[in-house]
Amino acid sequence: MSSLLDCSPEAVRVRSECLNTAWFVSLDDAGRKCKNWLSDYNEERPHSSIGDKCPIELMNRTGPHGPPGA
């Protein structure tokens, strides 16, 4: 299990774009806001490292142009 103090690029991004920008009034509120951020990050935002596509687009592809092993 990864620590909240993890300094990986993913942890830094979550902290800077979600945790540091939102106010949470309860644990349920925090969970909801983090889930919404993660959904946006994986399903709506293009990522330059994967050809300006959303990660969900790669996961939904099949055949020779999909992820390795697809």
C-alpha atoms as a PDB file:
ATOM      1  CA  MET A   1       0.000   0.000   0.000  1.00  0.00           C
ATOM      2  CA  SER A   2       1.300   3.404  -0.964  1.00  0.00           C
ATOM      3  CA  SER A   3       1.842   6.043   1.672  1.00  0.00           C
ATOM      4  CA  LEU A   4       0.175   9.456   1.471  1.00  0.00           C
ATOM      5  CA  LEU A   5       3.684  10.841   1.801  1.00  0.00           C
ATOM      6  CA  ASP A   6       4.766   9.015  -1.372  1.00  0.00           C
ATOM      7  CA  CYS A   7       6.626  11.383  -3.707  1.00  0.00           C
ATOM      8  CA  SER A   8       5.870   9.552  -6.939  1.00  0.00           C
ATOM      9  CA  PRO A   9       4.650  11.765  -9.806  1.00  0.00           C
ATOM     10  CA  GLU A  10       1.139  10.327  -9.396  1.00  0.00           C
ATOM     11  CA  ALA A  11       1.018  11.140  -5.677  1.00  0.00           C
ATOM     12  CA  VAL A  12       2.332  14.654  -6.303  1.00  0.00           C
ATOM     13  CA  ARG A  13      -0.341  15.217  -8.968  1.00  0.00           C
ATOM     14  CA  VAL A  14      -3.164  13.983  -6.720  1.00  0.00           C
ATOM     15  CA  ARG A  15      -1.948  16.183  -3.888  1.00  0.00           C
ATOM     16  CA  SER A  16      -1.469  19.320  -6.005  1.00  0.00           C
ATOM     17  CA  GLU A  17      -4.585  19.004  -8.184  1.00  0.00           C
ATOM     18  CA  CYS A  18      -7.085  17.504  -5.756  1.00  0.00           C
ATOM     19  CA  LEU A  19      -6.134  17.478  -2.101  1.00  0.00           C
ATOM     20  CA  ASN A  20      -4.578  20.946  -1.997  1.00  0.00           C
ATOM     21  CA  THR A  21      -7.349  22.620  -4.000  1.00  0.00           C
ATOM     22  CA  ALA A  22     -10.500  21.321  -2.318  1.00  0.00           C
ATOM     23  CA  TRP A  23     -12.076  21.845   1.063  1.00  0.00           C
ATOM     24  CA  PHE A  24     -13.500  18.706   2.637  1.00  0.00           C
ATOM     25  CA  VAL A  25     -16.261  18.924   5.229  1.00  0.00           C
ATOM     26  CA  SER A  26     -16.326  15.197   5.990  1.00  0.00           C
ATOM     27  CA  LEU A  27     -14.726  11.920   4.986  1.00  0.00           C
ATOM     28  CA  ASP A  28     -17.686  11.219   2.692  1.00  0.00           C
ATOM     29  CA  ASP A  29     -17.211  14.601   1.049  1.00  0.00           C
ATOM     30  CA  ALA A  30     -13.485  13.917   0.603  1.00  0.00           C
ATOM     31  CA  GLY A  31     -14.200  10.516  -0.930  1.00  0.00           C
ATOM     32  CA  ARG A  32     -16.759  11.965  -3.332  1.00  0.00           C
ATOM     33  CA  LYS A  33     -14.490  14.826  -4.440  1.00  0.00           C
ATOM     34  CA  CYS A  34     -11.478  12.543  -4.876  1.00  0.00           C
ATOM     35  CA  LYS A  35     -13.565  10.046  -6.841  1.00  0.00           C
ATOM     36  CA  ASN A  36     -14.803  12.848  -9.127  1.00  0.00           C
ATOM     37  CA  TRP A  37     -11.243  14.115  -9.642  1.00  0.00           C
ATOM     38  CA  LEU A  38     -10.023  10.599 -10.482  1.00  0.00           C
ATOM     39  CA  SER A  39     -12.878  10.081 -12.929  1.00  0.00           C
ATOM     40  CA  ASP A  40     -12.061  13.379 -14.650  1.00  0.00           C
ATOM     41  CA  TYR A  41      -8.349  12.517 -14.711  1.00  0.00           C
ATOM     42  CA  ASN A  42      -8.879   9.075 -16.252  1.00  0.00           C
ATOM     43  CA  GLU A  43     -11.940   9.662 -18.453  1.00  0.00           C
ATOM     44  CA  GLU A  44     -11.925  13.295 -19.593  1.00  0.00           C
ATOM     45  CA  ARG A  45      -8.420  14.746 -19.574  1.00  0.00           C
ATOM     46  CA  PRO A  46      -6.022  14.041 -22.428  1.00  0.00           C
ATOM     47  CA  HIS A  47      -2.529  12.940 -21.397  1.00  0.00           C
ATOM     48  CA  SER A  48       0.406  13.992 -23.560  1.00  0.00           C
ATOM     49  CA  SER A  49       2.374  10.883 -22.580  1.00  0.00           C
ATOM     50  CA  ILE A  50      -0.179   8.666 -24.369  1.00  0.00           C
ATOM     51  CA  GLY A  51      -0.726  10.704 -27.513  1.00  0.00           C
ATOM     52  CA  ASP A  52      -3.134  13.278 -26.056  1.00  0.00           C
ATOM     53  CA  LYS A  53      -5.717  10.603 -25.330  1.00  0.00           C
ATOM     54  CA  CYS A  54      -7.583   9.864 -22.122  1.00  0.00           C
ATOM     55  CA  PRO A  55      -6.482   6.695 -20.299  1.00  0.00           C
ATOM     56  CA  ILE A  56      -9.993   5.259 -20.653  1.00  0.00           C
ATOM     57  CA  GLU A  57      -9.644   5.459 -24.446  1.00  0.00           C
ATOM     58  CA  LEU A  58      -6.649   3.121 -24.315  1.00  0.00           C
ATOM     59  CA  MET A  59      -8.416   0.755 -21.951  1.00  0.00           C
ATOM     60  CA  ASN A  60     -11.451   0.561 -24.261  1.00  0.00           C
ATOM     61  CA  ARG A  61      -9.396  -0.218 -27.365  1.00  0.00           C
ATOM     62  CA  THR A  62      -9.001  -3.762 -28.554  1.00  0.00           C
ATOM     63  CA  GLY A  63      -6.902  -5.411 -31.204  1.00  0.00           C
ATOM     64  CA  PRO A  64      -3.439  -4.502 -32.493  1.00  0.00           C
ATOM     65  CA  HIS A  65      -3.648  -0.834 -31.452  1.00  0.00           C
ATOM     66  CA  GLY A  66      -4.666  -1.466 -27.839  1.00  0.00           C
ATOM     67  CA  PRO A  67      -2.499  -1.732 -24.771  1.00  0.00           C
ATOM     68  CA  PRO A  68       0.335  -4.285 -24.766  1.00  0.00           C
ATOM     69  CA  GLY A  69      -1.021  -7.781 -24.499  1.00  0.00           C
ATOM     70  CA  ALA A  70      -4.439  -6.820 -25.871  1.00  0.00           C
END
